[in-house]
C-alpha cells in the first residue's frame, strides 16, 4: 500500500512537472522557515527538486531573526516610528553584515553542498536593487525600490544557477538600504517576467477567519481582492503582502502563491499536487484557469 501511494503521488505530479519545466519562479524565503534547521533543509530540498525537473529559481531572503540576535549582542535597541521599524546607520551596518554575509552564504553553501548550483548576491551587486530613502529618511536607512537591474539574475538563469539574493539595496550615493524581502521579491519577479512568485509566510495562506487556520482560501482571483479587503478578511500583516501580489499580477507575473513556510516541503506540495497547500492568487481572465470549487487542477 505504501508503494502504491508513492506511485500515485508521483503520477499526480507528472503533469505539473511538465507544465513547470523551464518556467522562472521567484521565491521569498524568511520568517519562521529560516529558524528551524529541519525546515531549512526541506526548503533547500524543494529547491533542488524544482531545479532537477527544469524549473529556474530565484531565491530572495530576509533574516530578521539573525539580525535581532546580533543587535542584542551589541545591546542595540530596536526602534520604531509610527509602528514601523527604524534603521539607523549602525543598525544598517549590522543588517548588511548579517544578510549579505552569514545568512546569504549559509544558504548558498547548503544548496551547493546538497548538489545544487547557487550564487549568492545582494541588491548591492551590480546595482541590482536601486533605492531611495523611504519618506526622506523617516525610517533611517530603509529603502523604497526605484529600479531593478536584472542582468545579473538573467545571466545566472541562463546558466542554470539559483540566484540567492539578500534583501539589501543601494542608494544614489552608494549608501546601503534595508528592504522588505516581500517587496524585493515582488519587484524582482516583475523585472524578469517570472511565471510565479511564491511567498513563504508564517500562516497557512489567506484565511477567511483569522482565528481558524482551517479556514484557508485556496484560490483568489484578482477581482475578488477588493471585496476581501472590505470584509476585513485581508487585514494586518497580510495587507501589504496581498497588495504586492496584485502588483505582481498586474506587471507580468502569471501567478502568486502564499504558503506556510513552517510546513516541511510546502513548496513542492503546492506546485506538484492537485489540491495544493496554500493560497493561489491569479487573474480571473487567465485562460489557463477555470472556476473551481474544491481543487485547483490548473495551479
Protein backbone atom coordinates (compact mmCIF):
# COMPACT_ATOMS: atom_id res chain seq x y z
CA UNK A 1 0.00 0.00 0.00
CA UNK A 2 2.86 2.40 0.83
CA UNK A 3 4.46 1.82 -2.58
CA UNK A 4 1.07 2.28 -4.26
CA UNK A 5 0.60 5.63 -2.52
CA UNK A 6 4.07 6.70 -3.59
CA UNK A 7 3.31 5.77 -7.17
CA UNK A 8 0.03 7.70 -7.03
CA UNK A 9 1.86 10.76 -5.72
CA UNK A 10 4.43 10.60 -8.50
CA UNK A 11 1.76 10.15 -11.17
CA UNK A 12 -0.16 13.14 -9.79
CA UNK A 13 2.99 15.23 -10.01
CA UNK A 14 3.81 14.33 -13.63
CA UNK A 15 1.58 16.89 -15.42
CA UNK A 16 2.81 19.64 -13.09
CA UNK A 17 6.44 18.72 -13.75
CA UNK A 18 5.77 19.02 -17.48
CA UNK A 19 3.87 22.30 -17.07
CA UNK A 20 6.54 23.95 -14.91
CA UNK A 21 9.58 22.90 -16.95
CA UNK A 22 11.71 25.92 -17.99
CA UNK A 23 9.47 28.32 -16.05
CA UNK A 24 11.07 31.01 -13.87
CA UNK A 25 9.92 31.20 -10.25
CA UNK A 26 10.87 33.77 -7.62
CA UNK A 27 10.65 32.55 -4.02
CA UNK A 28 10.70 34.81 -0.99
CA UNK A 29 12.24 32.98 1.96
CA UNK A 30 12.09 34.33 5.50
CA UNK A 31 10.25 34.26 8.81
CA UNK A 32 9.87 31.01 10.74
CA UNK A 33 11.08 29.00 7.74
CA UNK A 34 14.58 30.28 8.48
CA UNK A 35 14.59 29.45 12.20
CA UNK A 36 14.42 25.64 12.32
CA UNK A 37 17.23 23.66 10.77
CA UNK A 38 14.85 20.90 9.64
CA UNK A 39 12.70 23.44 7.76
CA UNK A 40 15.80 24.97 6.16
CA UNK A 41 16.74 21.52 4.92
CA UNK A 42 13.28 20.90 3.48
CA UNK A 43 13.25 24.26 1.66
CA UNK A 44 16.64 23.53 0.09
CA UNK A 45 15.49 20.03 -0.88
CA UNK A 46 12.43 21.55 -2.54
CA UNK A 47 14.63 23.97 -4.47
CA UNK A 48 16.87 21.15 -5.64
CA UNK A 49 13.93 19.03 -6.80
CA UNK A 50 12.50 22.01 -8.68
CA UNK A 51 15.86 22.64 -10.29
CA UNK A 52 16.28 18.97 -11.27
CA UNK A 53 12.94 18.96 -13.14
CA UNK A 54 13.86 22.08 -15.11
CA UNK A 55 12.42 24.96 -13.06
CA UNK A 56 14.57 28.10 -12.99
CA UNK A 57 14.77 29.59 -9.50
CA UNK A 58 15.48 32.95 -7.91
CA UNK A 59 15.53 32.94 -4.08
CA UNK A 60 15.13 36.26 -2.24
CA UNK A 61 15.70 36.13 1.51
CA UNK A 62 15.43 38.19 4.63
CA UNK A 63 16.86 37.27 8.01
CA UNK A 64 15.18 39.29 10.73
CA UNK A 65 15.76 36.71 13.46
CA UNK A 66 19.53 36.57 12.81
CA UNK A 67 19.67 40.39 12.70
CA UNK A 68 17.88 40.64 16.06
CA UNK A 69 20.34 38.20 17.64
CA UNK A 70 23.32 40.31 16.57
CA UNK A 71 21.63 43.56 17.63
CA UNK A 72 21.07 42.03 21.06
CA UNK A 73 24.75 41.09 21.31
CA UNK A 74 25.67 44.73 20.67
CA UNK A 75 22.96 45.93 23.09
CA UNK A 76 21.27 47.90 20.31
CA UNK A 77 17.56 48.54 20.81
CA UNK A 78 15.00 48.11 18.04
CA UNK A 79 13.39 51.49 17.35
CA UNK A 80 10.00 52.20 15.80
CA UNK A 81 8.48 55.28 14.15
CA UNK A 82 4.70 55.24 13.71
CA UNK A 83 4.77 51.50 14.25
CA UNK A 84 7.42 50.94 11.56
CA UNK A 85 10.94 49.70 12.27
CA UNK A 86 13.66 52.37 12.15
CA UNK A 87 17.12 51.51 10.79
CA UNK A 88 19.90 53.87 11.85
CA UNK A 89 23.38 53.79 10.32
CA UNK A 90 24.85 51.44 12.94
CA UNK A 91 21.93 49.05 12.60
CA UNK A 92 22.22 49.17 8.81
CA UNK A 93 25.84 48.08 9.04
CA UNK A 94 24.74 45.05 11.02
CA UNK A 95 21.85 44.32 8.63
CA UNK A 96 24.25 44.33 5.70
CA UNK A 97 26.81 42.19 7.53
CA UNK A 98 24.24 39.58 8.59
CA UNK A 99 22.16 39.37 5.41
CA UNK A 100 24.87 39.59 2.76
CA UNK A 101 27.37 37.67 4.85
CA UNK A 102 26.23 34.93 7.19
CA UNK A 103 22.64 34.32 6.06
CA UNK A 104 23.32 34.55 2.33
CA UNK A 105 26.46 32.43 2.33
CA UNK A 106 24.99 29.81 4.65
CA UNK A 107 22.12 29.34 2.18
CA UNK A 108 24.46 29.16 -0.80
CA UNK A 109 26.67 26.66 0.99
CA UNK A 110 23.72 24.47 1.92
CA UNK A 111 22.36 24.42 -1.65
CA UNK A 112 25.76 23.68 -3.18
CA UNK A 113 26.64 21.04 -0.58
CA UNK A 114 23.45 19.13 -1.39
CA UNK A 115 24.20 19.15 -5.11
CA UNK A 116 22.67 22.38 -6.35
CA UNK A 117 24.18 25.31 -8.23
CA UNK A 118 23.76 28.57 -6.33
CA UNK A 119 25.38 32.00 -6.46
CA UNK A 120 24.92 34.42 -3.58
CA UNK A 121 24.42 38.12 -4.31
CA UNK A 122 22.65 41.12 -2.82
CA UNK A 123 20.87 44.17 -4.14
CA UNK A 124 24.20 46.00 -3.95
CA UNK A 125 25.91 43.79 -6.55
CA UNK A 126 25.90 45.44 -9.99
CA UNK A 127 23.39 47.95 -8.51
CA UNK A 128 20.80 45.19 -8.68
CA UNK A 129 18.28 46.92 -6.40
CA UNK A 130 18.40 50.72 -6.66
CA UNK A 131 16.71 52.55 -3.80
CA UNK A 132 15.83 55.94 -2.40
CA UNK A 133 15.23 56.55 1.32
CA UNK A 134 11.68 55.88 2.45
CA UNK A 135 9.85 59.19 3.02
CA UNK A 136 13.08 61.25 3.09
CA UNK A 137 14.84 59.11 5.74
CA UNK A 138 11.80 58.98 8.03
CA UNK A 139 12.77 55.39 8.85
CA UNK A 140 16.50 55.95 8.52
CA UNK A 141 18.18 53.56 6.10
CA UNK A 142 15.01 51.86 4.96
CA UNK A 143 14.72 51.93 1.19
CA UNK A 144 11.99 52.32 -1.39
CA UNK A 145 12.86 50.41 -4.57
CA UNK A 146 13.12 52.58 -7.67
CA UNK A 147 14.73 50.23 -10.17
CA UNK A 148 15.87 46.64 -10.66
CA UNK A 149 18.91 45.96 -12.84
CA UNK A 150 18.19 42.31 -13.53
CA UNK A 151 21.05 41.45 -15.92
CA UNK A 152 22.99 39.51 -13.30
CA UNK A 153 19.89 37.43 -12.46
CA UNK A 154 19.20 36.72 -16.12
CA UNK A 155 22.81 35.63 -16.63
CA UNK A 156 22.53 33.21 -13.71
CA UNK A 157 19.23 31.84 -15.02
CA UNK A 158 20.75 31.30 -18.47
CA UNK A 159 23.44 29.14 -16.88
CA UNK A 160 21.00 27.29 -14.57
CA UNK A 161 22.31 28.90 -11.38
CA UNK A 162 19.98 29.63 -8.47
CA UNK A 163 20.39 33.30 -7.56
CA UNK A 164 20.29 33.68 -3.78
CA UNK A 165 19.61 37.37 -3.17
CA UNK A 166 19.93 39.23 0.15
CA UNK A 167 17.31 41.98 0.50
CA UNK A 168 19.71 44.92 0.80
CA UNK A 169 19.61 47.76 -1.74
CA UNK A 170 21.87 50.60 -2.82
CA UNK A 171 21.20 54.33 -2.96
CA UNK A 172 22.23 57.04 -5.40
CA UNK A 173 25.24 57.98 -3.27
CA UNK A 174 26.31 54.40 -2.60
CA UNK A 175 24.62 54.07 0.79
CA UNK A 176 23.04 50.73 1.72
CA UNK A 177 19.34 50.33 2.50
CA UNK A 178 17.29 47.75 4.34
CA UNK A 179 14.44 46.46 2.16
CA UNK A 180 11.33 44.43 2.90
CA UNK A 181 12.01 40.99 1.38
CA UNK A 182 8.41 40.59 0.14
CA UNK A 183 8.71 43.84 -1.78
CA UNK A 184 12.16 42.96 -3.12
CA UNK A 185 10.91 39.57 -4.34
CA UNK A 186 7.90 41.19 -6.00
CA UNK A 187 9.97 43.80 -7.82
CA UNK A 188 12.48 41.18 -8.97
CA UNK A 189 9.69 38.89 -10.19
CA UNK A 190 8.21 41.77 -12.18
CA UNK A 191 11.56 42.69 -13.69
CA UNK A 192 12.21 39.21 -15.11
CA UNK A 193 8.58 38.37 -16.00
CA UNK A 194 8.58 35.39 -13.65
CA UNK A 195 5.88 32.79 -14.17
CA UNK A 196 5.34 32.51 -10.42
CA UNK A 197 6.04 34.47 -7.26
CA UNK A 198 5.99 32.31 -4.12
CA UNK A 199 5.88 33.93 -0.67
CA UNK A 200 6.75 31.74 2.32
CA UNK A 201 4.97 33.11 5.38
CA UNK A 202 4.15 32.22 8.99
CA UNK A 203 0.48 31.46 8.25
CA UNK A 204 -1.24 28.83 6.06
CA UNK A 205 -2.22 31.48 3.50
CA UNK A 206 -5.22 33.80 3.31
CA UNK A 207 -7.72 32.77 5.98
CA UNK A 208 -11.44 33.52 5.89
CA UNK A 209 -11.38 33.55 9.70
CA UNK A 210 -8.09 34.79 11.19
CA UNK A 211 -8.68 32.67 14.33
CA UNK A 212 -9.21 29.45 12.38
CA UNK A 213 -6.20 28.09 10.48
CA UNK A 214 -8.52 25.58 8.81
CA UNK A 215 -10.44 28.36 7.02
CA UNK A 216 -7.87 28.63 4.24
CA UNK A 217 -8.99 30.23 0.99
CA UNK A 218 -7.21 28.08 -1.57
CA UNK A 219 -7.74 30.28 -4.63
CA UNK A 220 -8.40 34.00 -5.08
CA UNK A 221 -8.99 35.91 -8.31
CA UNK A 222 -7.64 39.43 -8.54
CA UNK A 223 -11.14 40.88 -8.96
CA UNK A 224 -12.14 39.37 -5.60
CA UNK A 225 -9.40 41.14 -3.64
CA UNK A 226 -11.24 44.49 -3.02
CA UNK A 227 -14.20 42.61 -1.51
CA UNK A 228 -11.88 40.66 0.77
CA UNK A 229 -10.38 43.97 1.93
CA UNK A 230 -13.85 45.45 2.53
CA UNK A 231 -14.92 42.43 4.58
CA UNK A 232 -11.76 42.60 6.71
CA UNK A 233 -10.73 39.10 5.62
CA UNK A 234 -7.42 40.56 4.45
CA UNK A 235 -6.07 42.51 7.40
CA UNK A 236 -2.95 43.27 9.42
CA UNK A 237 0.32 42.00 8.02
CA UNK A 238 -1.47 40.27 5.14
CA UNK A 239 -2.48 43.64 3.62
CA UNK A 240 0.95 44.59 2.20
CA UNK A 241 1.52 41.00 1.04
CA UNK A 242 -1.72 40.93 -0.97
CA UNK A 243 -1.02 44.38 -2.42
CA UNK A 244 2.36 43.08 -3.56
CA UNK A 245 0.66 40.02 -5.06
CA UNK A 246 -1.79 42.10 -7.09
CA UNK A 247 1.02 44.42 -8.17
CA UNK A 248 2.94 41.40 -9.44
CA UNK A 249 -0.08 40.07 -11.35
CA UNK A 250 -0.59 43.46 -12.98
CA UNK A 251 3.05 43.60 -14.08
CA UNK A 252 3.90 40.40 -15.89
CA UNK A 253 3.82 37.69 -13.20
CA UNK A 254 1.29 34.98 -14.04
CA UNK A 255 0.50 33.54 -10.62
CA UNK A 256 1.31 34.20 -6.97
CA UNK A 257 1.30 31.66 -4.14
CA UNK A 258 1.24 32.37 -0.39
CA UNK A 259 2.45 29.34 1.55
CA UNK A 260 3.05 28.29 5.13
CA UNK A 261 6.83 28.22 5.42
CA UNK A 262 6.57 26.36 8.74
CA UNK A 263 5.42 23.19 6.99
CA UNK A 264 8.16 20.93 5.56
CA UNK A 265 8.14 20.72 1.75
CA UNK A 266 5.27 23.21 1.41
CA UNK A 267 6.65 24.41 -1.94
CA UNK A 268 6.56 21.07 -3.73
CA UNK A 269 3.20 20.19 -2.14
CA UNK A 270 1.83 23.40 -3.61
CA UNK A 271 3.41 23.07 -7.04
CA UNK A 272 3.06 19.34 -7.73
CA UNK A 273 -0.33 18.32 -6.33
CA UNK A 274 -3.94 18.88 -7.35
CA UNK A 275 -5.13 20.38 -4.08
CA UNK A 276 -2.06 22.44 -3.20
CA UNK A 277 -1.42 23.63 0.33
CA UNK A 278 -1.59 27.43 0.34
CA UNK A 279 -3.42 30.29 -1.35
CA UNK A 280 -3.10 30.76 -5.11
CA UNK A 281 -3.80 34.26 -6.46
CA UNK A 282 -4.34 34.71 -10.18
CA UNK A 283 -6.17 36.83 -12.72
CA UNK A 284 -9.77 35.92 -13.45
CA UNK A 285 -9.23 36.20 -17.19
CA UNK A 286 -6.18 33.92 -17.10
CA UNK A 287 -7.12 31.46 -19.90
CA UNK A 288 -5.37 28.52 -18.23
CA UNK A 289 -7.66 28.77 -15.21
CA UNK A 290 -11.30 27.99 -14.65
CA UNK A 291 -13.55 28.42 -11.64
CA UNK A 292 -13.16 25.51 -9.23
CA UNK A 293 -14.96 24.67 -6.02
CA UNK A 294 -12.59 22.36 -4.20
CA UNK A 295 -9.45 21.60 -6.15
CA UNK A 296 -7.08 23.73 -8.16
CA UNK A 297 -6.26 21.39 -11.01
CA UNK A 298 -4.52 24.14 -13.00
CA UNK A 299 -2.33 25.58 -10.27
